[in-house]
Amino acid sequence: MSSVALKNCIRRLRFEKNMTQEELALRTGVSRQTIMSIERGQTNPSVLLAYKISAALTTSVTDVFQMEGALAPV
């Protein structure tokens, strides 16, 4: 079984850009609660939302999201 987790830097990047969760939510078309849940690692975003978040934060998706752990061998 694999133990992979998706980690993110949304909170840090938001602070660097003086952006609130509400502003990021408005820019990406989701609720503030969704942004909060993703920031806390409780929810993983869709690929499209991950790209919208990275665009709103003017950085690459790989700078916002990182995969930690190892995939199961095949």
N, C-alpha and C. Protein backbone atom coordinates (compact mmCIF):
# COMPACT_ATOMS: atom_id res chain seq x y z
N MET A 1 0.84 -1.19 0.00
CA MET A 1 0.00 0.00 0.00
C MET A 1 0.88 1.25 0.00
N SER A 2 0.48 2.27 -0.72
CA SER A 2 1.26 3.50 -0.80
C SER A 2 0.87 4.46 0.32
N SER A 3 1.82 5.28 0.70
CA SER A 3 1.55 6.31 1.71
C SER A 3 1.97 7.65 1.12
N VAL A 4 1.11 8.19 0.29
CA VAL A 4 1.38 9.43 -0.42
C VAL A 4 0.45 10.52 0.11
N ALA A 5 1.01 11.69 0.32
CA ALA A 5 0.21 12.83 0.75
C ALA A 5 0.53 14.04 -0.13
N LEU A 6 -0.47 14.84 -0.37
CA LEU A 6 -0.28 16.07 -1.13
C LEU A 6 -0.14 17.22 -0.14
N LYS A 7 1.03 17.83 -0.12
CA LYS A 7 1.29 18.97 0.77
C LYS A 7 1.21 20.24 -0.06
N ASN A 8 0.91 21.35 0.61
CA ASN A 8 0.83 22.61 -0.13
C ASN A 8 1.43 23.76 0.67
N CYS A 9 1.73 24.84 -0.04
CA CYS A 9 2.31 26.06 0.54
C CYS A 9 1.36 27.24 0.34
N ILE A 10 0.08 26.97 0.23
CA ILE A 10 -0.88 28.03 -0.08
C ILE A 10 -0.84 29.13 0.97
N ARG A 11 -0.88 28.76 2.22
CA ARG A 11 -0.93 29.77 3.30
C ARG A 11 0.29 30.70 3.23
N ARG A 12 1.49 30.12 3.12
CA ARG A 12 2.70 30.94 3.06
C ARG A 12 2.69 31.85 1.84
N LEU A 13 2.31 31.29 0.69
CA LEU A 13 2.27 32.09 -0.54
C LEU A 13 1.22 33.20 -0.46
N ARG A 14 0.09 32.91 0.16
CA ARG A 14 -0.94 33.95 0.34
C ARG A 14 -0.41 35.09 1.20
N PHE A 15 0.27 34.74 2.30
CA PHE A 15 0.81 35.76 3.19
C PHE A 15 1.85 36.62 2.48
N GLU A 16 2.68 35.98 1.67
CA GLU A 16 3.70 36.73 0.92
C GLU A 16 3.07 37.72 -0.04
N LYS A 17 1.88 37.43 -0.51
CA LYS A 17 1.18 38.31 -1.46
C LYS A 17 0.10 39.14 -0.79
N ASN A 18 0.07 39.11 0.55
CA ASN A 18 -0.93 39.85 1.32
C ASN A 18 -2.35 39.55 0.82
N MET A 19 -2.64 38.27 0.62
CA MET A 19 -3.93 37.84 0.09
C MET A 19 -4.69 37.06 1.16
N THR A 20 -5.96 37.35 1.30
CA THR A 20 -6.79 36.61 2.25
C THR A 20 -7.33 35.34 1.59
N GLN A 21 -7.84 34.44 2.42
CA GLN A 21 -8.50 33.25 1.89
C GLN A 21 -9.69 33.66 1.03
N GLU A 22 -10.40 34.66 1.45
CA GLU A 22 -11.57 35.13 0.70
C GLU A 22 -11.17 35.63 -0.69
N GLU A 23 -10.09 36.40 -0.76
CA GLU A 23 -9.63 36.91 -2.06
C GLU A 23 -9.19 35.77 -2.98
N LEU A 24 -8.47 34.80 -2.42
CA LEU A 24 -8.05 33.65 -3.23
C LEU A 24 -9.27 32.86 -3.69
N ALA A 25 -10.24 32.72 -2.83
CA ALA A 25 -11.47 32.02 -3.19
C ALA A 25 -12.19 32.73 -4.34
N LEU A 26 -12.29 34.04 -4.27
CA LEU A 26 -12.94 34.81 -5.34
C LEU A 26 -12.19 34.67 -6.66
N ARG A 27 -10.87 34.70 -6.59
CA ARG A 27 -10.06 34.59 -7.81
C ARG A 27 -10.14 33.21 -8.46
N THR A 28 -10.43 32.18 -7.65
CA THR A 28 -10.46 30.82 -8.18
C THR A 28 -11.86 30.27 -8.36
N GLY A 29 -12.87 31.00 -7.90
CA GLY A 29 -14.25 30.58 -8.11
C GLY A 29 -14.75 29.51 -7.16
N VAL A 30 -14.15 29.42 -5.97
CA VAL A 30 -14.60 28.47 -4.96
C VAL A 30 -14.90 29.22 -3.67
N SER A 31 -15.38 28.52 -2.67
CA SER A 31 -15.70 29.16 -1.39
C SER A 31 -14.44 29.30 -0.53
N ARG A 32 -14.50 30.20 0.42
CA ARG A 32 -13.40 30.37 1.38
C ARG A 32 -13.19 29.07 2.16
N GLN A 33 -14.27 28.37 2.45
CA GLN A 33 -14.18 27.11 3.18
C GLN A 33 -13.39 26.06 2.39
N THR A 34 -13.55 26.07 1.06
CA THR A 34 -12.79 25.15 0.22
C THR A 34 -11.30 25.46 0.29
N ILE A 35 -10.95 26.74 0.19
CA ILE A 35 -9.55 27.15 0.29
C ILE A 35 -9.00 26.75 1.65
N MET A 36 -9.74 27.00 2.70
CA MET A 36 -9.32 26.66 4.05
C MET A 36 -9.08 25.15 4.18
N SER A 37 -9.97 24.36 3.64
CA SER A 37 -9.86 22.91 3.71
C SER A 37 -8.63 22.39 2.94
N ILE A 38 -8.36 22.99 1.79
CA ILE A 38 -7.18 22.60 1.01
C ILE A 38 -5.91 23.01 1.74
N GLU A 39 -5.88 24.23 2.27
CA GLU A 39 -4.71 24.71 3.02
C GLU A 39 -4.37 23.78 4.18
N ARG A 40 -5.38 23.31 4.87
CA ARG A 40 -5.18 22.44 6.04
C ARG A 40 -4.88 20.99 5.66
N GLY A 41 -4.96 20.67 4.38
CA GLY A 41 -4.69 19.32 3.94
C GLY A 41 -5.85 18.36 4.15
N GLN A 42 -7.03 18.90 4.42
CA GLN A 42 -8.21 18.07 4.64
C GLN A 42 -8.86 17.64 3.33
N THR A 43 -8.61 18.40 2.27
CA THR A 43 -9.17 18.14 0.95
C THR A 43 -8.08 18.35 -0.09
N ASN A 44 -8.08 17.51 -1.10
CA ASN A 44 -7.18 17.71 -2.24
C ASN A 44 -7.96 18.38 -3.36
N PRO A 45 -7.35 19.37 -4.00
CA PRO A 45 -8.05 20.05 -5.10
C PRO A 45 -8.05 19.21 -6.37
N SER A 46 -8.99 19.50 -7.24
CA SER A 46 -8.94 18.91 -8.58
C SER A 46 -7.73 19.48 -9.29
N VAL A 47 -7.34 18.87 -10.38
CA VAL A 47 -6.20 19.37 -11.16
C VAL A 47 -6.49 20.79 -11.64
N LEU A 48 -7.70 21.02 -12.13
CA LEU A 48 -8.07 22.35 -12.60
C LEU A 48 -7.97 23.38 -11.48
N LEU A 49 -8.50 23.06 -10.31
CA LEU A 49 -8.44 24.00 -9.19
C LEU A 49 -7.00 24.23 -8.75
N ALA A 50 -6.18 23.20 -8.76
CA ALA A 50 -4.76 23.37 -8.41
C ALA A 50 -4.10 24.38 -9.34
N TYR A 51 -4.40 24.29 -10.63
CA TYR A 51 -3.85 25.25 -11.59
C TYR A 51 -4.42 26.65 -11.38
N LYS A 52 -5.70 26.75 -11.05
CA LYS A 52 -6.29 28.07 -10.78
C LYS A 52 -5.65 28.71 -9.56
N ILE A 53 -5.41 27.91 -8.52
CA ILE A 53 -4.78 28.43 -7.30
C ILE A 53 -3.37 28.91 -7.62
N SER A 54 -2.62 28.12 -8.35
CA SER A 54 -1.25 28.53 -8.68
C SER A 54 -1.24 29.79 -9.55
N ALA A 55 -2.19 29.90 -10.48
CA ALA A 55 -2.27 31.10 -11.32
C ALA A 55 -2.62 32.32 -10.47
N ALA A 56 -3.56 32.16 -9.54
CA ALA A 56 -3.95 33.28 -8.67
C ALA A 56 -2.78 33.72 -7.78
N LEU A 57 -1.92 32.77 -7.43
CA LEU A 57 -0.75 33.08 -6.61
C LEU A 57 0.47 33.41 -7.45
N THR A 58 0.28 33.47 -8.76
CA THR A 58 1.33 33.78 -9.74
C THR A 58 2.60 32.97 -9.52
N THR A 59 2.42 31.67 -9.41
CA THR A 59 3.54 30.75 -9.26
C THR A 59 3.19 29.43 -9.94
N SER A 60 4.15 28.55 -10.06
CA SER A 60 3.87 27.27 -10.72
C SER A 60 3.14 26.32 -9.79
N VAL A 61 2.41 25.40 -10.38
CA VAL A 61 1.65 24.44 -9.58
C VAL A 61 2.58 23.59 -8.73
N THR A 62 3.78 23.32 -9.22
CA THR A 62 4.73 22.52 -8.43
C THR A 62 5.35 23.31 -7.27
N ASP A 63 5.28 24.63 -7.33
CA ASP A 63 5.72 25.44 -6.19
C ASP A 63 4.64 25.49 -5.11
N VAL A 64 3.39 25.28 -5.49
CA VAL A 64 2.28 25.31 -4.54
C VAL A 64 2.04 23.94 -3.92
N PHE A 65 2.10 22.90 -4.73
CA PHE A 65 1.77 21.55 -4.27
C PHE A 65 2.97 20.61 -4.44
N GLN A 66 3.21 19.79 -3.42
CA GLN A 66 4.27 18.80 -3.47
C GLN A 66 3.71 17.45 -2.99
N MET A 67 4.16 16.39 -3.63
CA MET A 67 3.77 15.05 -3.23
C MET A 67 4.82 14.52 -2.26
N GLU A 68 4.37 14.02 -1.12
CA GLU A 68 5.29 13.43 -0.15
C GLU A 68 4.94 11.96 0.02
N GLY A 69 5.95 11.16 0.18
CA GLY A 69 5.75 9.74 0.36
C GLY A 69 6.15 8.98 -0.88
N ALA A 70 5.83 7.70 -0.89
CA ALA A 70 6.22 6.84 -1.99
C ALA A 70 5.00 6.13 -2.57
N LEU A 71 5.01 5.99 -3.87
CA LEU A 71 3.95 5.24 -4.55
C LEU A 71 4.20 3.75 -4.35
N ALA A 72 3.14 2.98 -4.44
CA ALA A 72 3.26 1.53 -4.31
C ALA A 72 4.01 0.96 -5.52
N PRO A 73 4.92 0.03 -5.30
CA PRO A 73 5.61 -0.57 -6.44
C PRO A 73 4.65 -1.42 -7.26
N VAL A 74 4.93 -1.51 -8.54
CA VAL A 74 4.07 -2.27 -9.44
C VAL A 74 4.66 -3.63 -9.71
